[in-house]
Amino acid sequence: MNGNSTSLRALVDKWLAPTRSIPAHITQTGRFGSNGVRYVCLEGQVSARPLSIVFFRHGSGTWDVFPPPPPLAAMGTRLFAA
């Protein structure tokens, strides 16, 4: 991970601020897309209202509330026989 890494725990603490009396719960996990991007959906309470947030794991190992960008198309340099 890079120096600006953000752990999932730090994001959950920032966005949901769970406590023993009001914990955050994982409601769904999985992968999506052709890249198999990991995601985790957590639910907690903020201002006495339920809140669900989906966190996405980026290629650098960090987590964020937005999905990573799709991979860019690249041209190969292989030569093909005629």
Protein backbone atom coordinates (compact mmCIF):
# COMPACT_ATOMS: atom_id res chain seq x y z
CA MET A 1 0.00 0.00 0.00
CA ASN A 2 1.10 3.55 -0.55
CA GLY A 3 1.64 6.24 2.08
CA ASN A 4 -1.89 7.61 1.58
CA SER A 5 -3.56 4.27 2.26
CA THR A 6 -7.01 4.20 3.78
CA SER A 7 -8.10 1.11 5.64
CA LEU A 8 -11.68 -0.11 5.63
CA ARG A 9 -11.78 0.23 9.42
CA ALA A 10 -10.75 3.91 9.23
CA LEU A 11 -13.47 4.64 6.66
CA VAL A 12 -16.13 2.85 8.72
CA ASP A 13 -15.09 4.87 11.78
CA LYS A 14 -15.19 8.09 9.74
CA TRP A 15 -18.55 7.56 8.01
CA LEU A 16 -20.55 5.44 10.48
CA ALA A 17 -18.79 6.07 13.84
CA PRO A 18 -19.88 2.73 15.33
CA THR A 19 -20.05 2.20 19.09
CA ARG A 20 -20.84 -0.81 21.28
CA SER A 21 -24.46 0.31 21.57
CA ILE A 22 -24.80 1.27 17.88
CA PRO A 23 -22.53 -1.06 15.86
CA ALA A 24 -22.02 -1.17 12.11
CA HIS A 25 -23.01 -4.40 10.34
CA ILE A 26 -21.75 -5.92 7.11
CA THR A 27 -24.82 -6.53 4.96
CA GLN A 28 -23.19 -7.65 1.71
CA THR A 29 -19.77 -8.49 0.25
CA GLY A 30 -18.67 -9.61 -3.16
CA ARG A 31 -17.00 -8.80 -6.45
CA PHE A 32 -18.35 -7.19 -9.58
CA GLY A 33 -17.28 -6.31 -13.08
CA SER A 34 -14.79 -8.01 -15.34
CA ASN A 35 -11.96 -7.00 -12.98
CA GLY A 36 -13.57 -8.61 -9.94
CA VAL A 37 -13.48 -5.39 -7.90
CA ARG A 38 -14.18 -6.14 -4.24
CA TYR A 39 -16.94 -4.32 -2.41
CA VAL A 40 -18.40 -4.33 1.10
CA CYS A 41 -21.77 -2.85 2.05
CA LEU A 42 -22.06 -1.75 5.68
CA GLU A 43 -25.06 -0.47 7.59
CA GLY A 44 -25.07 1.69 10.69
CA GLN A 45 -26.95 4.57 12.23
CA VAL A 46 -26.19 8.25 11.85
CA SER A 47 -28.36 10.77 13.71
CA ALA A 48 -30.74 7.94 14.69
CA ARG A 49 -31.36 7.07 11.02
CA PRO A 50 -30.14 3.96 9.21
CA LEU A 51 -27.35 4.51 6.70
CA SER A 52 -25.87 2.01 4.23
CA ILE A 53 -22.59 2.70 2.47
CA VAL A 54 -20.76 0.64 -0.14
CA PHE A 55 -16.96 0.67 0.04
CA PHE A 56 -14.79 -0.39 -2.91
CA ARG A 57 -11.25 -1.79 -2.83
CA HIS A 58 -8.86 -0.15 -5.26
CA GLY A 59 -5.88 -1.77 -6.99
CA SER A 60 -3.47 0.02 -4.63
CA GLY A 61 -5.06 -1.78 -1.67
CA THR A 62 -6.98 1.25 -0.40
CA TRP A 63 -10.74 1.42 0.17
CA ASP A 64 -13.04 4.27 -0.83
CA VAL A 65 -16.72 5.13 -1.32
CA PHE A 66 -16.33 5.29 -5.10
CA PRO A 67 -15.37 2.42 -7.42
CA PRO A 68 -11.94 2.33 -9.04
CA PRO A 69 -11.71 3.54 -12.64
CA PRO A 70 -11.95 0.87 -15.33
CA PRO A 71 -8.65 -0.27 -16.82
CA LEU A 72 -7.54 1.66 -19.88
CA ALA A 73 -7.30 -0.05 -23.23
CA ALA A 74 -3.73 -0.64 -24.34
CA MET A 75 -2.21 -1.44 -27.68
CA GLY A 76 0.11 -4.39 -27.85
CA THR A 77 3.47 -4.29 -29.59
CA ARG A 78 3.45 -7.92 -30.69
CA LEU A 79 4.08 -8.54 -34.35
CA PHE A 80 1.81 -10.96 -36.11
CA ALA A 81 3.00 -13.27 -38.88
CA ALA A 82 1.28 -12.74 -42.22
